[in-house]
Amino acid sequence: MNSTLIDDTKVEITRPMCIIPARKGSKRLKNKNKLLLNGKPLVSYALEAAIESKLFQMIVVSSDDMDILEIAFSHFLTEIVQPNKRPKVLCGDKVPVKVVVRFISQIYRSPEVLCLIQPTNPLITAKQIRKAYKVFKKKDANYLIGVCKGKDIGFHFMKRDVFLREYDKDFYGTNWIPFEMKGVDIDTIEDFKEAERLLL
């Protein structure tokens, strides 16, 4: 697999890995990760943006929902997109997303940089992903957190080794930077309707 990332004049040997956690359950908006938003499953927005960015050596979609895994499999591109059947023990409402990130980073041969993209922000774009990565590398941060009006919207870059070393601490750990971006975090039907309006 070609692991060269052309970034203007910069070339990297190992590209980041992207993790998209999209479990079946949802407390406030049932099956939200596969709800049709303007005719497209919600998880598809994050997945397609990640693919279009051409940044990642692997994109892992972690889910216990066979419909979502089928969506991931439909984008199976020379092993870049990997559907991952999430163990039941990691599917509960109280399981932090960082537990899923650690699990995925350990069962795959993950590179030094990981990217978490929650499927709850359908406004994410390939351009935003590439720009965020440039900022992350330029600032030499341990973590980059995507925010909209100061709110975390589930888009993170992180150094793998630092994340695993600081796993028992706050998710953001040390030396993190905010990255302001356009977005929405869908958690309720009102959020969903707002996303529909913004995508028109």
C-alpha atoms as a PDB file:
ATOM      1  CA  MET A   1       0.000   0.000   0.000  1.00  0.00           C
ATOM      2  CA  ASN A   2       1.304   3.456  -0.851  1.00  0.00           C
ATOM      3  CA  SER A   3       1.830   5.253   2.439  1.00  0.00           C
ATOM      4  CA  THR A   4       3.122   8.531   1.022  1.00  0.00           C
ATOM      5  CA  LEU A   5       1.110  11.636   1.828  1.00  0.00           C
ATOM      6  CA  ILE A   6       1.708  14.566  -0.494  1.00  0.00           C
ATOM      7  CA  ASP A   7       1.136  17.696   1.573  1.00  0.00           C
ATOM      8  CA  ASP A   8       2.387  20.613  -0.506  1.00  0.00           C
ATOM      9  CA  THR A   9       6.157  20.131  -0.085  1.00  0.00           C
ATOM     10  CA  LYS A  10       6.004  17.715   2.858  1.00  0.00           C
ATOM     11  CA  VAL A  11       6.190  13.954   2.582  1.00  0.00           C
ATOM     12  CA  GLU A  12       5.432  11.572   5.425  1.00  0.00           C
ATOM     13  CA  ILE A  13       6.371   7.927   5.587  1.00  0.00           C
ATOM     14  CA  THR A  14       3.398   6.871   7.709  1.00  0.00           C
ATOM     15  CA  ARG A  15      -0.053   8.365   7.373  1.00  0.00           C
ATOM     16  CA  PRO A  16      -2.529   8.623  10.279  1.00  0.00           C
ATOM     17  CA  MET A  17      -5.260   6.111  11.015  1.00  0.00           C
ATOM     18  CA  CYS A  18      -8.875   7.267  11.292  1.00  0.00           C
ATOM     19  CA  ILE A  19     -11.363   5.758  13.748  1.00  0.00           C
ATOM     20  CA  ILE A  20     -15.109   6.306  13.280  1.00  0.00           C
ATOM     21  CA  PRO A  21     -17.102   4.915  16.237  1.00  0.00           C
ATOM     22  CA  ALA A  22     -20.726   4.337  15.264  1.00  0.00           C
ATOM     23  CA  ARG A  23     -22.493   1.988  17.629  1.00  0.00           C
ATOM     24  CA  LYS A  24     -26.131   0.979  17.301  1.00  0.00           C
ATOM     25  CA  GLY A  25     -27.524   2.276  20.571  1.00  0.00           C
ATOM     26  CA  SER A  26     -28.357   5.892  21.343  1.00  0.00           C
ATOM     27  CA  LYS A  27     -30.151   7.249  24.370  1.00  0.00           C
ATOM     28  CA  ARG A  28     -31.807  10.370  23.006  1.00  0.00           C
ATOM     29  CA  LEU A  29     -32.105   9.791  19.262  1.00  0.00           C
ATOM     30  CA  LYS A  30     -32.692   6.153  18.336  1.00  0.00           C
ATOM     31  CA  ASN A  31     -30.295   4.668  15.767  1.00  0.00           C
ATOM     32  CA  LYS A  32     -29.012   8.150  14.987  1.00  0.00           C
ATOM     33  CA  ASN A  33     -25.777   6.996  13.318  1.00  0.00           C
ATOM     34  CA  LYS A  34     -27.712   5.443  10.436  1.00  0.00           C
ATOM     35  CA  LEU A  35     -30.635   7.863  10.236  1.00  0.00           C
ATOM     36  CA  LEU A  36     -31.096   9.250   6.741  1.00  0.00           C
ATOM     37  CA  LEU A  37     -30.040  12.881   6.593  1.00  0.00           C
ATOM     38  CA  ASN A  38     -31.012  14.377   3.230  1.00  0.00           C
ATOM     39  CA  GLY A  39     -31.195  10.812   1.887  1.00  0.00           C
ATOM     40  CA  LYS A  40     -27.821   9.651   3.228  1.00  0.00           C
ATOM     41  CA  PRO A  41     -27.028   7.681   6.438  1.00  0.00           C
ATOM     42  CA  LEU A  42     -25.464   9.983   9.012  1.00  0.00           C
ATOM     43  CA  VAL A  43     -22.305   7.855   9.345  1.00  0.00           C
ATOM     44  CA  SER A  44     -21.670   8.205   5.600  1.00  0.00           C
ATOM     45  CA  TYR A  45     -20.831  11.907   5.931  1.00  0.00           C
ATOM     46  CA  ALA A  46     -17.851  11.247   8.207  1.00  0.00           C
ATOM     47  CA  LEU A  47     -16.752   8.210   6.232  1.00  0.00           C
ATOM     48  CA  GLU A  48     -16.874   9.919   2.855  1.00  0.00           C
ATOM     49  CA  ALA A  49     -15.061  13.015   4.158  1.00  0.00           C
ATOM     50  CA  ALA A  50     -12.306  10.806   5.577  1.00  0.00           C
ATOM     51  CA  ILE A  51     -11.940   8.952   2.261  1.00  0.00           C
ATOM     52  CA  GLU A  52     -11.989  12.147   0.212  1.00  0.00           C
ATOM     53  CA  SER A  53      -9.261  13.706   2.379  1.00  0.00           C
ATOM     54  CA  LYS A  54      -6.811  11.072   1.074  1.00  0.00           C
ATOM     55  CA  LEU A  55      -4.978  11.512   4.355  1.00  0.00           C
ATOM     56  CA  PHE A  56      -5.393   8.153   6.055  1.00  0.00           C
ATOM     57  CA  GLN A  57      -3.679   4.822   5.565  1.00  0.00           C
ATOM     58  CA  MET A  58      -6.663   3.108   7.191  1.00  0.00           C
ATOM     59  CA  ILE A  59     -10.197   4.136   8.156  1.00  0.00           C
ATOM     60  CA  VAL A  60     -11.791   1.867  10.766  1.00  0.00           C
ATOM     61  CA  VAL A  61     -15.562   2.000  11.266  1.00  0.00           C
ATOM     62  CA  SER A  62     -16.319   0.439  14.661  1.00  0.00           C
ATOM     63  CA  SER A  63     -19.914  -0.686  15.193  1.00  0.00           C
ATOM     64  CA  ASP A  64     -22.191  -3.387  16.554  1.00  0.00           C
ATOM     65  CA  ASP A  65     -24.795  -2.510  13.900  1.00  0.00           C
ATOM     66  CA  MET A  66     -24.666  -4.712  10.795  1.00  0.00           C
ATOM     67  CA  ASP A  67     -26.322  -1.988   8.674  1.00  0.00           C
ATOM     68  CA  ILE A  68     -23.507   0.428   9.557  1.00  0.00           C
ATOM     69  CA  LEU A  69     -20.872  -2.227   8.933  1.00  0.00           C
ATOM     70  CA  GLU A  70     -22.450  -2.853   5.523  1.00  0.00           C
ATOM     71  CA  ILE A  71     -22.151   0.861   4.750  1.00  0.00           C
ATOM     72  CA  ALA A  72     -18.468   0.685   5.674  1.00  0.00           C
ATOM     73  CA  PHE A  73     -17.988  -2.439   3.594  1.00  0.00           C
ATOM     74  CA  SER A  74     -19.579  -0.705   0.586  1.00  0.00           C
ATOM     75  CA  HIS A  75     -16.671   1.747   0.781  1.00  0.00           C
ATOM     76  CA  PHE A  76     -14.040  -0.976   1.093  1.00  0.00           C
ATOM     77  CA  LEU A  77     -11.178   0.505  -0.937  1.00  0.00           C
ATOM     78  CA  THR A  78      -8.024  -1.619  -1.290  1.00  0.00           C
ATOM     79  CA  GLU A  79      -8.264  -2.311   2.454  1.00  0.00           C
ATOM     80  CA  ILE A  80      -8.261   1.381   3.390  1.00  0.00           C
ATOM     81  CA  VAL A  81     -11.775   1.190   4.883  1.00  0.00           C
ATOM     82  CA  GLN A  82     -12.088  -1.506   7.542  1.00  0.00           C
ATOM     83  CA  PRO A  83     -15.461  -2.457   9.064  1.00  0.00           C
ATOM     84  CA  ASN A  84     -14.833  -3.588  12.649  1.00  0.00           C
ATOM     85  CA  LYS A  85     -17.451  -5.565  14.593  1.00  0.00           C
ATOM     86  CA  ARG A  86     -17.285  -4.012  18.031  1.00  0.00           C
ATOM     87  CA  PRO A  87     -17.356  -6.412  20.999  1.00  0.00           C
ATOM     88  CA  LYS A  88     -20.562  -6.254  23.018  1.00  0.00           C
ATOM     89  CA  VAL A  89     -18.640  -5.240  26.136  1.00  0.00           C
ATOM     90  CA  LEU A  90     -17.693  -1.972  24.382  1.00  0.00           C
ATOM     91  CA  CYS A  91     -21.227  -1.088  23.251  1.00  0.00           C
ATOM     92  CA  GLY A  92     -22.806   0.178  26.451  1.00  0.00           C
ATOM     93  CA  ASP A  93     -23.998   3.741  27.014  1.00  0.00           C
ATOM     94  CA  LYS A  94     -21.399   4.248  29.738  1.00  0.00           C
ATOM     95  CA  VAL A  95     -18.392   3.081  27.711  1.00  0.00           C
ATOM     96  CA  PRO A  96     -16.220   6.164  27.000  1.00  0.00           C
ATOM     97  CA  VAL A  97     -15.184   6.682  23.400  1.00  0.00           C
ATOM     98  CA  LYS A  98     -11.526   6.673  24.467  1.00  0.00           C
ATOM     99  CA  VAL A  99     -11.944   2.985  25.389  1.00  0.00           C
ATOM    100  CA  VAL A 100     -12.975   2.262  21.802  1.00  0.00           C
ATOM    101  CA  VAL A 101     -10.057   4.321  20.461  1.00  0.00           C
ATOM    102  CA  ARG A 102      -7.608   2.357  22.619  1.00  0.00           C
ATOM    103  CA  PHE A 103      -9.150  -0.971  21.554  1.00  0.00           C
ATOM    104  CA  ILE A 104      -8.905  -0.146  17.844  1.00  0.00           C
ATOM    105  CA  SER A 105      -5.370   1.234  18.163  1.00  0.00           C
ATOM    106  CA  GLN A 106      -4.252  -2.003  19.814  1.00  0.00           C
ATOM    107  CA  ILE A 107      -5.893  -4.589  17.563  1.00  0.00           C
ATOM    108  CA  TYR A 108      -4.667  -2.905  14.383  1.00  0.00           C
ATOM    109  CA  ARG A 109      -1.089  -2.015  13.622  1.00  0.00           C
ATOM    110  CA  SER A 110      -1.752   1.662  14.167  1.00  0.00           C
ATOM    111  CA  PRO A 111       0.635   4.469  13.203  1.00  0.00           C
ATOM    112  CA  GLU A 112       1.916   7.219  15.454  1.00  0.00           C
ATOM    113  CA  VAL A 113      -1.047   9.540  14.786  1.00  0.00           C
ATOM    114  CA  LEU A 114      -4.714   8.656  15.300  1.00  0.00           C
ATOM    115  CA  CYS A 115      -7.769  10.606  14.236  1.00  0.00           C
ATOM    116  CA  LEU A 116     -11.178  10.236  15.869  1.00  0.00           C
ATOM    117  CA  ILE A 117     -14.189  11.339  13.828  1.00  0.00           C
ATOM    118  CA  GLN A 118     -17.560  10.990  15.504  1.00  0.00           C
ATOM    119  CA  PRO A 119     -20.326  10.502  12.893  1.00  0.00           C
ATOM    120  CA  THR A 120     -22.553  13.034  14.675  1.00  0.00           C
ATOM    121  CA  ASN A 121     -21.153  15.996  12.716  1.00  0.00           C
ATOM    122  CA  PRO A 122     -22.304  15.691   9.072  1.00  0.00           C
ATOM    123  CA  LEU A 123     -20.796  19.095   8.236  1.00  0.00           C
ATOM    124  CA  ILE A 124     -17.247  17.760   8.394  1.00  0.00           C
ATOM    125  CA  THR A 125     -15.342  18.001   5.118  1.00  0.00           C
ATOM    126  CA  ALA A 126     -12.161  16.595   3.619  1.00  0.00           C
ATOM    127  CA  LYS A 127     -10.775  20.134   3.450  1.00  0.00           C
ATOM    128  CA  GLN A 128     -11.335  20.625   7.205  1.00  0.00           C
ATOM    129  CA  ILE A 129      -9.620  17.315   7.961  1.00  0.00           C
ATOM    130  CA  ARG A 130      -6.540  18.186   5.904  1.00  0.00           C
ATOM    131  CA  LYS A 131      -6.315  21.694   7.344  1.00  0.00           C
ATOM    132  CA  ALA A 132      -6.632  20.392  10.910  1.00  0.00           C
ATOM    133  CA  TYR A 133      -3.852  17.898  10.320  1.00  0.00           C
ATOM    134  CA  LYS A 134      -1.537  20.622   9.014  1.00  0.00           C
ATOM    135  CA  VAL A 135      -2.206  22.687  12.152  1.00  0.00           C
ATOM    136  CA  PHE A 136      -1.694  19.626  14.385  1.00  0.00           C
ATOM    137  CA  LYS A 137       1.693  18.904  12.807  1.00  0.00           C
ATOM    138  CA  LYS A 138       2.827  22.535  12.657  1.00  0.00           C
ATOM    139  CA  LYS A 139       2.029  23.146  16.339  1.00  0.00           C
ATOM    140  CA  ASP A 140       3.560  19.794  17.329  1.00  0.00           C
ATOM    141  CA  ALA A 141       0.637  19.244  19.685  1.00  0.00           C
ATOM    142  CA  ASN A 142      -0.225  15.974  21.417  1.00  0.00           C
ATOM    143  CA  TYR A 143      -3.917  16.491  20.730  1.00  0.00           C
ATOM    144  CA  LEU A 144      -6.039  18.650  18.439  1.00  0.00           C
ATOM    145  CA  ILE A 145      -9.707  19.062  19.363  1.00  0.00           C
ATOM    146  CA  GLY A 146     -12.252  20.215  16.792  1.00  0.00           C
ATOM    147  CA  VAL A 147     -14.605  22.784  18.332  1.00  0.00           C
ATOM    148  CA  CYS A 148     -17.545  24.845  17.143  1.00  0.00           C
ATOM    149  CA  LYS A 149     -18.266  27.934  19.229  1.00  0.00           C
ATOM    150  CA  GLY A 150     -16.145  26.420  21.990  1.00  0.00           C
ATOM    151  CA  LYS A 151     -17.927  23.045  22.014  1.00  0.00           C
ATOM    152  CA  ASP A 152     -16.125  19.767  21.322  1.00  0.00           C
ATOM    153  CA  ILE A 153     -17.769  18.278  18.213  1.00  0.00           C
ATOM    154  CA  GLY A 154     -16.043  14.913  18.211  1.00  0.00           C
ATOM    155  CA  PHE A 155     -13.106  15.465  15.874  1.00  0.00           C
ATOM    156  CA  HIS A 156      -9.660  14.778  17.362  1.00  0.00           C
ATOM    157  CA  PHE A 157      -6.118  14.186  16.182  1.00  0.00           C
ATOM    158  CA  MET A 158      -3.790  12.626  18.757  1.00  0.00           C
ATOM    159  CA  LYS A 159      -0.345  11.158  19.130  1.00  0.00           C
ATOM    160  CA  ARG A 160      -0.922   7.471  19.737  1.00  0.00           C
ATOM    161  CA  ASP A 161       1.846   6.870  22.275  1.00  0.00           C
ATOM    162  CA  VAL A 162       0.917   9.944  24.314  1.00  0.00           C
ATOM    163  CA  PHE A 163      -2.747   8.943  24.304  1.00  0.00           C
ATOM    164  CA  LEU A 164      -1.958   5.433  25.543  1.00  0.00           C
ATOM    165  CA  ARG A 165       0.456   6.758  28.163  1.00  0.00           C
ATOM    166  CA  GLU A 166      -2.069   9.307  29.443  1.00  0.00           C
ATOM    167  CA  TYR A 167      -5.059   6.998  29.040  1.00  0.00           C
ATOM    168  CA  ASP A 168      -6.112   7.192  32.693  1.00  0.00           C
ATOM    169  CA  LYS A 169      -6.050  10.987  32.648  1.00  0.00           C
ATOM    170  CA  ASP A 170      -8.432  13.443  31.053  1.00  0.00           C
ATOM    171  CA  PHE A 171      -9.145  12.515  27.424  1.00  0.00           C
ATOM    172  CA  TYR A 172      -7.434  15.633  26.108  1.00  0.00           C
ATOM    173  CA  GLY A 173      -4.313  14.966  28.161  1.00  0.00           C
ATOM    174  CA  THR A 174      -1.410  17.387  27.906  1.00  0.00           C
ATOM    175  CA  ASN A 175      -0.469  19.882  25.207  1.00  0.00           C
ATOM    176  CA  TRP A 176      -3.764  20.067  23.341  1.00  0.00           C
ATOM    177  CA  ILE A 177      -4.941  22.776  20.976  1.00  0.00           C
ATOM    178  CA  PRO A 178      -8.453  23.755  19.831  1.00  0.00           C
ATOM    179  CA  PHE A 179      -9.326  23.855  16.137  1.00  0.00           C
ATOM    180  CA  GLU A 180     -12.321  26.037  15.345  1.00  0.00           C
ATOM    181  CA  MET A 181     -14.477  24.570  12.583  1.00  0.00           C
ATOM    182  CA  LYS A 182     -17.977  24.599  11.185  1.00  0.00           C
ATOM    183  CA  GLY A 183     -20.019  21.809  12.663  1.00  0.00           C
ATOM    184  CA  VAL A 184     -22.874  20.450  14.710  1.00  0.00           C
ATOM    185  CA  ASP A 185     -23.053  17.645  17.272  1.00  0.00           C
ATOM    186  CA  ILE A 186     -26.254  15.674  16.670  1.00  0.00           C
ATOM    187  CA  ASP A 187     -27.693  14.294  19.888  1.00  0.00           C
ATOM    188  CA  THR A 188     -31.395  15.166  19.665  1.00  0.00           C
ATOM    189  CA  ILE A 189     -34.092  15.442  16.990  1.00  0.00           C
ATOM    190  CA  GLU A 190     -33.691  19.226  17.194  1.00  0.00           C
ATOM    191  CA  ASP A 191     -29.968  18.873  16.383  1.00  0.00           C
ATOM    192  CA  PHE A 192     -30.887  16.595  13.486  1.00  0.00           C
ATOM    193  CA  LYS A 193     -33.305  19.142  12.032  1.00  0.00           C
ATOM    194  CA  GLU A 194     -30.702  21.887  12.427  1.00  0.00           C
ATOM    195  CA  ALA A 195     -28.202  19.765  10.500  1.00  0.00           C
ATOM    196  CA  GLU A 196     -30.775  19.256   7.738  1.00  0.00           C
ATOM    197  CA  ARG A 197     -31.209  23.013   7.492  1.00  0.00           C
ATOM    198  CA  LEU A 198     -27.453  23.675   7.409  1.00  0.00           C
ATOM    199  CA  LEU A 199     -26.904  21.112   4.660  1.00  0.00           C
ATOM    200  CA  LEU A 200     -29.469  22.671   2.321  1.00  0.00           C
END
